[in-house]
Amino acid sequence: MNDKLVWIDCEMTGLSLVDDALIEVAALVTDFELNVLG
């Protein structure tokens, strides 16, 4: 059983998949008590 959570945050220039762009992505791994791992 996996005991980790992966949190992903995406920053975009807008909400349109056609007209806007993805400009930044962040990822964080925690345990189930929300302690950051790594």
Foldseek 3Di string as FASTA:
>chain_A
DDFKDKDKDWDKPDDDPPPIDTDDMDIFMAGPVRDTDD
